[in-house]
Amino acid sequence: MQIEWTKRNQLTITVNSSLDSFRLQRLIDYVKYLEATAMSKAKQVEVDKLAKDVNADWWAKNRKRLIK
């Protein structure tokens, strides 16, 4: 693995192609999450409550379709 900072303040990571693609995709998804939430001022408690509310709403709308 090679890690290099570019002149535009970006990070380049080069990995061997034999790396497990599923795990690599999970790592990429996590880095995207970090990038997307870097400037967030939300507290984890608020995020957890929002996720719980969204999941409850989704389940209420889709329960009949999934359980027969």
Protein backbone atom coordinates (compact mmCIF):
# COMPACT_ATOMS: atom_id res chain seq x y z
CA MET A 1 0.00 0.00 0.00
CA GLN A 2 1.21 3.48 -0.83
CA ILE A 3 -0.16 6.68 0.69
CA GLU A 4 0.62 10.04 -0.85
CA TRP A 5 -0.56 13.63 -0.30
CA THR A 6 -1.07 15.64 -3.49
CA LYS A 7 -0.35 19.33 -3.95
CA ARG A 8 -4.11 20.05 -3.85
CA ASN A 9 -4.33 18.72 -0.27
CA GLN A 10 -5.82 15.41 -1.36
CA LEU A 11 -4.80 11.95 -0.28
CA THR A 12 -4.03 9.19 -2.78
CA ILE A 13 -4.02 5.60 -1.53
CA THR A 14 -2.80 2.85 -3.83
CA VAL A 15 -3.58 -0.74 -2.84
CA ASN A 16 -2.80 -4.12 -4.34
CA SER A 17 -5.53 -5.38 -6.67
CA SER A 18 -5.71 -8.67 -4.75
CA LEU A 19 -7.42 -6.89 -1.86
CA ASP A 20 -10.94 -8.19 -1.12
CA SER A 21 -13.28 -5.89 -3.07
CA PHE A 22 -16.13 -6.19 -0.54
CA ARG A 23 -13.94 -4.97 2.33
CA LEU A 24 -12.41 -2.28 0.17
CA GLN A 25 -15.89 -1.02 -0.76
CA ARG A 26 -16.84 -0.89 2.93
CA LEU A 27 -13.73 1.16 3.61
CA ILE A 28 -14.57 3.53 0.74
CA ASP A 29 -18.14 3.89 2.01
CA TYR A 30 -16.82 4.73 5.48
CA VAL A 31 -14.45 7.35 4.09
CA LYS A 32 -17.36 8.87 2.11
CA TYR A 33 -19.38 8.97 5.34
CA LEU A 34 -16.52 10.73 7.15
CA GLU A 35 -16.24 13.22 4.32
CA ALA A 36 -19.99 13.88 4.25
CA THR A 37 -20.27 14.38 8.01
CA ALA A 38 -17.01 16.24 8.64
CA MET A 39 -18.70 19.64 9.01
CA SER A 40 -21.81 18.37 10.78
CA LYS A 41 -22.65 19.88 14.15
CA ALA A 42 -25.27 17.23 14.90
CA LYS A 43 -24.84 15.24 18.07
CA GLN A 44 -24.89 11.44 17.91
CA VAL A 45 -28.03 11.37 20.08
CA GLU A 46 -29.84 13.54 17.50
CA VAL A 47 -28.66 11.36 14.62
CA ASP A 48 -29.77 8.21 16.44
CA LYS A 49 -33.23 9.68 17.09
CA LEU A 50 -33.62 10.74 13.46
CA ALA A 51 -32.56 7.26 12.26
CA LYS A 52 -35.03 5.63 14.66
CA ASP A 53 -37.87 7.91 13.48
CA VAL A 54 -37.09 7.31 9.80
CA ASN A 55 -36.92 3.55 10.31
CA ALA A 56 -40.19 3.51 12.26
CA ASP A 57 -41.90 5.56 9.55
CA TRP A 58 -40.55 3.33 6.79
CA TRP A 59 -41.63 0.19 8.64
CA ALA A 60 -45.15 1.59 9.21
CA LYS A 61 -45.50 2.29 5.48
CA ASN A 62 -44.05 -1.04 4.28
CA ARG A 63 -45.06 -3.57 6.93
CA LYS A 64 -48.17 -4.84 5.10
CA ARG A 65 -46.22 -5.24 1.87
CA LEU A 66 -43.50 -7.32 3.54
CA ILE A 67 -45.50 -9.42 6.03
CA LYS A 68 -48.30 -11.44 4.51
